[in-house]
PDB file of N, CA and C in Angstrom:
ATOM      1  N   MET A   1     -84.799   0.056 -99.292  1.00  0.00           N
ATOM      2  CA  MET A   1     -84.659   0.999 -98.200  1.00  0.00           C
ATOM      3  C   MET A   1     -85.390   0.495 -96.953  1.00  0.00           C
ATOM      4  N   GLU A   2     -86.569  -0.087 -97.166  1.00  0.00           N
ATOM      5  CA  GLU A   2     -87.337  -0.593 -96.035  1.00  0.00           C
ATOM      6  C   GLU A   2     -86.603  -1.745 -95.349  1.00  0.00           C
ATOM      7  N   ILE A   3     -85.947  -2.581 -96.148  1.00  0.00           N
ATOM      8  CA  ILE A   3     -85.178  -3.696 -95.575  1.00  0.00           C
ATOM      9  C   ILE A   3     -84.033  -3.164 -94.722  1.00  0.00           C
ATOM     10  N   LEU A   4     -83.380  -2.110 -95.179  1.00  0.00           N
ATOM     11  CA  LEU A   4     -82.291  -1.503 -94.410  1.00  0.00           C
ATOM     12  C   LEU A   4     -82.803  -0.970 -93.079  1.00  0.00           C
ATOM     13  N   CYS A   5     -83.940  -0.313 -93.081  1.00  0.00           N
ATOM     14  CA  CYS A   5     -84.517   0.216 -91.839  1.00  0.00           C
ATOM     15  C   CYS A   5     -84.840  -0.903 -90.861  1.00  0.00           C
ATOM     16  N   TRP A   6     -85.475  -1.970 -91.347  1.00  0.00           N
ATOM     17  CA  TRP A   6     -85.819  -3.090 -90.482  1.00  0.00           C
ATOM     18  C   TRP A   6     -84.571  -3.819 -89.983  1.00  0.00           C
ATOM     19  N   SER A   7     -83.578  -3.942 -90.828  1.00  0.00           N
ATOM     20  CA  SER A   7     -82.326  -4.593 -90.418  1.00  0.00           C
ATOM     21  C   SER A   7     -81.636  -3.793 -89.329  1.00  0.00           C
ATOM     22  N   THR A   8     -81.593  -2.490 -89.500  1.00  0.00           N
ATOM     23  CA  THR A   8     -80.971  -1.622 -88.500  1.00  0.00           C
ATOM     24  C   THR A   8     -81.720  -1.703 -87.179  1.00  0.00           C
ATOM     25  N   LEU A   9     -83.033  -1.670 -87.230  1.00  0.00           N
ATOM     26  CA  LEU A   9     -83.842  -1.778 -86.021  1.00  0.00           C
ATOM     27  C   LEU A   9     -83.624  -3.123 -85.337  1.00  0.00           C
ATOM     28  N   PHE A  10     -83.557  -4.185 -86.110  1.00  0.00           N
ATOM     29  CA  PHE A  10     -83.329  -5.519 -85.563  1.00  0.00           C
ATOM     30  C   PHE A  10     -81.975  -5.598 -84.858  1.00  0.00           C
ATOM     31  N   LEU A  11     -80.930  -5.087 -85.496  1.00  0.00           N
ATOM     32  CA  LEU A  11     -79.593  -5.114 -84.897  1.00  0.00           C
ATOM     33  C   LEU A  11     -79.518  -4.228 -83.665  1.00  0.00           C
ATOM     34  N   ALA A  12     -80.174  -3.085 -83.699  1.00  0.00           N
ATOM     35  CA  ALA A  12     -80.152  -2.169 -82.554  1.00  0.00           C
ATOM     36  C   ALA A  12     -80.801  -2.803 -81.326  1.00  0.00           C
ATOM     37  N   ALA A  13     -81.742  -3.698 -81.529  1.00  0.00           N
ATOM     38  CA  ALA A  13     -82.412  -4.359 -80.413  1.00  0.00           C
ATOM     39  C   ALA A  13     -81.468  -5.274 -79.646  1.00  0.00           C
ATOM     40  N   PHE A  14     -80.379  -5.694 -80.265  1.00  0.00           N
ATOM     41  CA  PHE A  14     -79.458  -6.621 -79.629  1.00  0.00           C
ATOM     42  C   PHE A  14     -78.157  -5.978 -79.166  1.00  0.00           C
ATOM     43  N   ILE A  15     -78.059  -4.675 -79.259  1.00  0.00           N
ATOM     44  CA  ILE A  15     -76.859  -3.977 -78.800  1.00  0.00           C
ATOM     45  C   ILE A  15     -76.903  -3.884 -77.283  1.00  0.00           C
ATOM     46  N   ASN A  16     -75.847  -4.306 -76.635  1.00  0.00           N
ATOM     47  CA  ASN A  16     -75.744  -4.218 -75.180  1.00  0.00           C
ATOM     48  C   ASN A  16     -74.981  -2.964 -74.803  1.00  0.00           C
ATOM     49  N   THR A  17     -75.355  -2.389 -73.679  1.00  0.00           N
ATOM     50  CA  THR A  17     -74.599  -1.252 -73.170  1.00  0.00           C
ATOM     51  C   THR A  17     -73.544  -1.765 -72.206  1.00  0.00           C
ATOM     52  N   CYS A  18     -72.557  -0.957 -71.951  1.00  0.00           N
ATOM     53  CA  CYS A  18     -71.444  -1.344 -71.094  1.00  0.00           C
ATOM     54  C   CYS A  18     -71.242  -0.274 -70.033  1.00  0.00           C
ATOM     55  N   ASN A  19     -71.122  -0.681 -68.789  1.00  0.00           N
ATOM     56  CA  ASN A  19     -70.816   0.223 -67.691  1.00  0.00           C
ATOM     57  C   ASN A  19     -69.537  -0.265 -67.032  1.00  0.00           C
ATOM     58  N   ALA A  20     -68.697   0.665 -66.620  1.00  0.00           N
ATOM     59  CA  ALA A  20     -67.453   0.283 -65.963  1.00  0.00           C
ATOM     60  C   ALA A  20     -66.955   1.431 -65.106  1.00  0.00           C
ATOM     61  N   HIS A  21     -66.164   1.101 -64.125  1.00  0.00           N
ATOM     62  CA  HIS A  21     -65.502   2.108 -63.304  1.00  0.00           C
ATOM     63  C   HIS A  21     -64.013   1.999 -63.555  1.00  0.00           C
ATOM     64  N   VAL A  22     -63.411   3.108 -63.863  1.00  0.00           N
ATOM     65  CA  VAL A  22     -61.972   3.155 -64.070  1.00  0.00           C
ATOM     66  C   VAL A  22     -61.407   4.321 -63.285  1.00  0.00           C
ATOM     67  N   ASN A  23     -60.140   4.250 -62.997  1.00  0.00           N
ATOM     68  CA  ASN A  23     -59.429   5.340 -62.351  1.00  0.00           C
ATOM     69  C   ASN A  23     -58.716   6.111 -63.446  1.00  0.00           C
ATOM     70  N   LEU A  24     -59.118   7.333 -63.675  1.00  0.00           N
ATOM     71  CA  LEU A  24     -58.544   8.145 -64.732  1.00  0.00           C
ATOM     72  C   LEU A  24     -57.193   8.682 -64.273  1.00  0.00           C
ATOM     73  N   ASN A  25     -56.116   8.236 -64.913  1.00  0.00           N
ATOM     74  CA  ASN A  25     -54.774   8.690 -64.556  1.00  0.00           C
ATOM     75  C   ASN A  25     -54.459  10.051 -65.164  1.00  0.00           C
ATOM     76  N   PHE A  26     -54.744  10.207 -66.444  1.00  0.00           N
ATOM     77  CA  PHE A  26     -54.524  11.489 -67.115  1.00  0.00           C
ATOM     78  C   PHE A  26     -55.566  11.680 -68.195  1.00  0.00           C
ATOM     79  N   PRO A  27     -56.187  12.806 -68.239  1.00  0.00           N
ATOM     80  CA  PRO A  27     -56.154  13.910 -67.276  1.00  0.00           C
ATOM     81  C   PRO A  27     -56.897  13.516 -66.006  1.00  0.00           C
ATOM     82  N   LYS A  28     -56.529  14.119 -64.894  1.00  0.00           N
ATOM     83  CA  LYS A  28     -57.153  13.793 -63.621  1.00  0.00           C
ATOM     84  C   LYS A  28     -58.643  14.049 -63.701  1.00  0.00           C
ATOM     85  N   GLY A  29     -59.426  13.106 -63.179  1.00  0.00           N
ATOM     86  CA  GLY A  29     -60.871  13.214 -63.238  1.00  0.00           C
ATOM     87  C   GLY A  29     -61.490  13.836 -61.998  1.00  0.00           C
ATOM     88  N   ARG A  30     -60.829  13.720 -60.870  1.00  0.00           N
ATOM     89  CA  ARG A  30     -61.356  14.228 -59.598  1.00  0.00           C
ATOM     90  C   ARG A  30     -60.241  14.930 -58.835  1.00  0.00           C
ATOM     91  N   PRO A  31     -60.607  15.863 -57.948  1.00  0.00           N
ATOM     92  CA  PRO A  31     -59.568  16.590 -57.218  1.00  0.00           C
ATOM     93  C   PRO A  31     -58.827  15.736 -56.195  1.00  0.00           C
ATOM     94  N   LEU A  32     -59.454  14.679 -55.693  1.00  0.00           N
ATOM     95  CA  LEU A  32     -58.810  13.820 -54.700  1.00  0.00           C
ATOM     96  C   LEU A  32     -58.348  12.535 -55.360  1.00  0.00           C
ATOM     97  N   ASN A  33     -57.616  11.744 -54.627  1.00  0.00           N
ATOM     98  CA  ASN A  33     -57.203  10.446 -55.152  1.00  0.00           C
ATOM     99  C   ASN A  33     -58.305   9.409 -54.974  1.00  0.00           C
ATOM    100  N   LEU A  34     -59.526   9.859 -54.856  1.00  0.00           N
ATOM    101  CA  LEU A  34     -60.670   8.969 -54.715  1.00  0.00           C
ATOM    102  C   LEU A  34     -61.419   8.882 -56.032  1.00  0.00           C
ATOM    103  N   ASP A  35     -60.691   8.846 -57.114  1.00  0.00           N
ATOM    104  CA  ASP A  35     -61.335   8.834 -58.420  1.00  0.00           C
ATOM    105  C   ASP A  35     -62.191   7.598 -58.611  1.00  0.00           C
ATOM    106  N   PHE A  36     -61.876   6.527 -57.933  1.00  0.00           N
ATOM    107  CA  PHE A  36     -62.689   5.317 -58.025  1.00  0.00           C
ATOM    108  C   PHE A  36     -63.270   5.006 -56.656  1.00  0.00           C
ATOM    109  N   LEU A  37     -64.578   5.040 -56.564  1.00  0.00           N
ATOM    110  CA  LEU A  37     -65.282   4.602 -55.367  1.00  0.00           C
ATOM    111  C   LEU A  37     -66.365   3.631 -55.806  1.00  0.00           C
ATOM    112  N   ASP A  38     -66.638   2.666 -54.993  1.00  0.00           N
ATOM    113  CA  ASP A  38     -67.633   1.651 -55.313  1.00  0.00           C
ATOM    114  C   ASP A  38     -69.018   2.284 -55.382  1.00  0.00           C
ATOM    115  N   SER A  39     -69.659   2.204 -56.520  1.00  0.00           N
ATOM    116  CA  SER A  39     -70.961   2.846 -56.700  1.00  0.00           C
ATOM    117  C   SER A  39     -72.089   2.100 -55.993  1.00  0.00           C
ATOM    118  N   VAL A  40     -71.834   0.886 -55.520  1.00  0.00           N
ATOM    119  CA  VAL A  40     -72.860   0.144 -54.787  1.00  0.00           C
ATOM    120  C   VAL A  40     -73.051   0.750 -53.401  1.00  0.00           C
ATOM    121  N   ARG A  41     -71.966   1.177 -52.768  1.00  0.00           N
ATOM    122  CA  ARG A  41     -72.034   1.683 -51.403  1.00  0.00           C
ATOM    123  C   ARG A  41     -71.913   3.200 -51.303  1.00  0.00           C
ATOM    124  N   THR A  42     -71.768   3.896 -52.393  1.00  0.00           N
ATOM    125  CA  THR A  42     -71.623   5.351 -52.352  1.00  0.00           C
ATOM    126  C   THR A  42     -72.600   6.000 -53.330  1.00  0.00           C
ATOM    127  N   PRO A  43     -73.068   7.210 -53.010  1.00  0.00           N
ATOM    128  CA  PRO A  43     -73.986   7.890 -53.928  1.00  0.00           C
ATOM    129  C   PRO A  43     -73.253   8.396 -55.163  1.00  0.00           C
ATOM    130  N   GLY A  44     -73.982   8.586 -56.229  1.00  0.00           N
ATOM    131  CA  GLY A  44     -73.397   9.090 -57.475  1.00  0.00           C
ATOM    132  C   GLY A  44     -73.108  10.567 -57.416  1.00  0.00           C
ATOM    133  N   PRO A  45     -72.290  11.080 -58.282  1.00  0.00           N
ATOM    134  CA  PRO A  45     -71.550  10.351 -59.295  1.00  0.00           C
ATOM    135  C   PRO A  45     -70.256   9.799 -58.719  1.00  0.00           C
ATOM    136  N   CYS A  46     -70.141   8.518 -58.688  1.00  0.00           N
ATOM    137  CA  CYS A  46     -68.935   7.813 -58.225  1.00  0.00           C
ATOM    138  C   CYS A  46     -68.537   8.186 -56.804  1.00  0.00           C
ATOM    139  N   GLY A  47     -69.510   8.493 -55.942  1.00  0.00           N
ATOM    140  CA  GLY A  47     -69.241   8.675 -54.531  1.00  0.00           C
ATOM    141  C   GLY A  47     -68.808  10.048 -54.079  1.00  0.00           C
ATOM    142  N   MET A  48     -68.645  10.985 -54.967  1.00  0.00           N
ATOM    143  CA  MET A  48     -68.249  12.334 -54.555  1.00  0.00           C
ATOM    144  C   MET A  48     -68.837  13.352 -55.521  1.00  0.00           C
ATOM    145  N   PRO A  49     -69.059  14.581 -55.036  1.00  0.00           N
ATOM    146  CA  PRO A  49     -69.669  15.583 -55.909  1.00  0.00           C
ATOM    147  C   PRO A  49     -68.735  16.009 -57.033  1.00  0.00           C
ATOM    148  N   LYS A  50     -69.343  16.478 -58.096  1.00  0.00           N
ATOM    149  CA  LYS A  50     -68.572  16.972 -59.234  1.00  0.00           C
ATOM    150  C   LYS A  50     -67.851  18.253 -58.822  1.00  0.00           C
ATOM    151  N   GLY A  51     -66.586  18.344 -59.141  1.00  0.00           N
ATOM    152  CA  GLY A  51     -65.804  19.529 -58.818  1.00  0.00           C
ATOM    153  C   GLY A  51     -65.544  20.377 -60.048  1.00  0.00           C
ATOM    154  N   GLU A  52     -64.681  21.348 -59.885  1.00  0.00           N
ATOM    155  CA  GLU A  52     -64.287  22.204 -61.000  1.00  0.00           C
ATOM    156  C   GLU A  52     -63.373  21.423 -61.943  1.00  0.00           C
ATOM    157  N   PRO A  53     -63.303  21.828 -63.207  1.00  0.00           N
ATOM    158  CA  PRO A  53     -62.386  21.156 -64.137  1.00  0.00           C
ATOM    159  C   PRO A  53     -60.938  21.264 -63.653  1.00  0.00           C
ATOM    160  N   LEU A  54     -60.207  20.157 -63.726  1.00  0.00           N
ATOM    161  CA  LEU A  54     -58.812  20.152 -63.306  1.00  0.00           C
ATOM    162  C   LEU A  54     -57.864  20.367 -64.468  1.00  0.00           C
ATOM    163  N   SER A  55     -58.311  20.043 -65.654  1.00  0.00           N
ATOM    164  CA  SER A  55     -57.463  20.166 -66.837  1.00  0.00           C
ATOM    165  C   SER A  55     -58.206  20.967 -67.893  1.00  0.00           C
ATOM    166  N   VAL A  56     -57.513  21.902 -68.487  1.00  0.00           N
ATOM    167  CA  VAL A  56     -58.092  22.707 -69.557  1.00  0.00           C
ATOM    168  C   VAL A  56     -57.205  22.534 -70.777  1.00  0.00           C
ATOM    169  N   PHE A  57     -57.812  22.185 -71.898  1.00  0.00           N
ATOM    170  CA  PHE A  57     -57.067  21.964 -73.125  1.00  0.00           C
ATOM    171  C   PHE A  57     -57.616  22.862 -74.216  1.00  0.00           C
ATOM    172  N   GLU A  58     -56.740  23.302 -75.082  1.00  0.00           N
ATOM    173  CA  GLU A  58     -57.154  24.097 -76.227  1.00  0.00           C
ATOM    174  C   GLU A  58     -57.841  23.172 -77.231  1.00  0.00           C
ATOM    175  N   ALA A  59     -58.882  23.672 -77.861  1.00  0.00           N
ATOM    176  CA  ALA A  59     -59.616  22.872 -78.841  1.00  0.00           C
ATOM    177  C   ALA A  59     -58.667  22.357 -79.914  1.00  0.00           C
ATOM    178  N   GLY A  60     -58.773  21.089 -80.235  1.00  0.00           N
ATOM    179  CA  GLY A  60     -57.937  20.475 -81.255  1.00  0.00           C
ATOM    180  C   GLY A  60     -56.637  19.900 -80.725  1.00  0.00           C
ATOM    181  N   THR A  61     -56.365  20.073 -79.428  1.00  0.00           N
ATOM    182  CA  THR A  61     -55.145  19.532 -78.838  1.00  0.00           C
ATOM    183  C   THR A  61     -55.203  18.010 -78.828  1.00  0.00           C
ATOM    184  N   ARG A  62     -54.125  17.378 -79.263  1.00  0.00           N
ATOM    185  CA  ARG A  62     -54.039  15.919 -79.205  1.00  0.00           C
ATOM    186  C   ARG A  62     -53.436  15.532 -77.866  1.00  0.00           C
ATOM    187  N   LEU A  63     -54.017  14.531 -77.221  1.00  0.00           N
ATOM    188  CA  LEU A  63     -53.481  14.082 -75.948  1.00  0.00           C
ATOM    189  C   LEU A  63     -53.743  12.599 -75.780  1.00  0.00           C
ATOM    190  N   ASN A  64     -52.961  11.993 -74.933  1.00  0.00           N
ATOM    191  CA  ASN A  64     -53.134  10.581 -74.597  1.00  0.00           C
ATOM    192  C   ASN A  64     -53.889  10.493 -73.282  1.00  0.00           C
ATOM    193  N   VAL A  65     -54.992   9.787 -73.286  1.00  0.00           N
ATOM    194  CA  VAL A  65     -55.770   9.559 -72.078  1.00  0.00           C
ATOM    195  C   VAL A  65     -55.367   8.200 -71.531  1.00  0.00           C
ATOM    196  N   SER A  66     -55.082   8.148 -70.236  1.00  0.00           N
ATOM    197  CA  SER A  66     -54.713   6.864 -69.635  1.00  0.00           C
ATOM    198  C   SER A  66     -55.576   6.614 -68.405  1.00  0.00           C
ATOM    199  N   TRP A  67     -55.906   5.343 -68.189  1.00  0.00           N
ATOM    200  CA  TRP A  67     -56.738   4.977 -67.062  1.00  0.00           C
ATOM    201  C   TRP A  67     -56.313   3.624 -66.535  1.00  0.00           C
ATOM    202  N   HIS A  68     -56.790   3.310 -65.339  1.00  0.00           N
ATOM    203  CA  HIS A  68     -56.519   2.027 -64.696  1.00  0.00           C
ATOM    204  C   HIS A  68     -57.857   1.359 -64.423  1.00  0.00           C
ATOM    205  N   LEU A  69     -58.028   0.136 -64.892  1.00  0.00           N
ATOM    206  CA  LEU A  69     -59.236  -0.634 -64.631  1.00  0.00           C
ATOM    207  C   LEU A  69     -59.062  -1.322 -63.290  1.00  0.00           C
ATOM    208  N   ASN A  70     -59.864  -0.914 -62.308  1.00  0.00           N
ATOM    209  CA  ASN A  70     -59.706  -1.422 -60.950  1.00  0.00           C
ATOM    210  C   ASN A  70     -60.121  -2.874 -60.802  1.00  0.00           C
ATOM    211  N   TYR A  71     -61.183  -3.257 -61.454  1.00  0.00           N
ATOM    212  CA  TYR A  71     -61.546  -4.669 -61.509  1.00  0.00           C
ATOM    213  C   TYR A  71     -62.366  -4.900 -62.762  1.00  0.00           C
ATOM    214  N   PRO A  72     -62.196  -6.047 -63.381  1.00  0.00           N
ATOM    215  CA  PRO A  72     -62.897  -6.310 -64.639  1.00  0.00           C
ATOM    216  C   PRO A  72     -64.391  -6.523 -64.420  1.00  0.00           C
ATOM    217  N   HIS A  73     -65.151  -6.116 -65.409  1.00  0.00           N
ATOM    218  CA  HIS A  73     -66.599  -6.310 -65.401  1.00  0.00           C
ATOM    219  C   HIS A  73     -66.951  -7.396 -66.400  1.00  0.00           C
ATOM    220  N   GLN A  74     -68.099  -8.004 -66.197  1.00  0.00           N
ATOM    221  CA  GLN A  74     -68.563  -9.009 -67.148  1.00  0.00           C
ATOM    222  C   GLN A  74     -69.503  -8.379 -68.137  1.00  0.00           C
TER     223      GLN A  74
END
């Protein structure tokens, strides 16, 4: 058990996080067509204030989420 704990801790130390900006096609993420703004030159979150929910789904509803990657990240 101790080996499992140490192994998990060792592996967790090497996990990298990933950040990316995408344009959410469905469901719409923002009220304007400015869903993607450069976070380097605009304040968070993503350059515009959080608005009201645009899409409401019943719990358990299956849906396809689609997005557009504006530029690849390394």
